[in-house]
Amino acid sequence: MSDNSDQDSDIEFKHRKRKSSKNRKKENTNKQLTKKELKKRKLNYWTKSKENKIKEWQEQCRIYIWLHSKTSDHYDFINRTLSIPSILITAVTSTTLFSTLGIENKDPIIIIISILLIIGTFLQSIRDFFNPGELAIKNGNIAKQYSTLLNDMDEQLSQDPEDRENG
């Protein structure tokens, strides 16, 4: 009787073992299905939170593009404001110097020319020190780089998640 019961218990144990391995396989396939579902949700590692972050960065890029464009325009205006009078003053004073060479009573003309030369030198020095032309170019280039970045983000978000680059 004990022999029979041992055999029965062995058969029952093997049957349980088979059942449990079958159950494990089913559970593994269920886990794999959930992994597949997760992959569908996170195609190329894109999630809703990443898309929202990219949209937030897009808005920041738009703000920076506007700011750098306005700054570039401002520096360009300053550059023109300093350059044009400086050029005109230098041209007038140099021409006047040559024309006064033959005049005998030169005192008031020389004083006026000297004042204009000082003003022209001052404007040119300010322009060289602050270098608004270079600052205008740099800000314009930065605005273009932000535009490129914004276009790349727009392109990625306009595509289906499967076609996007890895997030």
Foldseek 3Di string as FASTA:
>chain_A
DVVVVVVVVVVVVVVVVVVVVVVVVVVVVVVVVVVVVVCVQQPLNDHPVNLVVLVVVLVVLVVLLVVLLVLLVVLVVLLCVLPVLLVVLVVVLVVLVVVCPPPDPCVVVVVVSVVSVVVSVVSVVVCVVVVSNVSSVVSNVVSVVSVVVSVLSVVQVVDDSNPHHRD
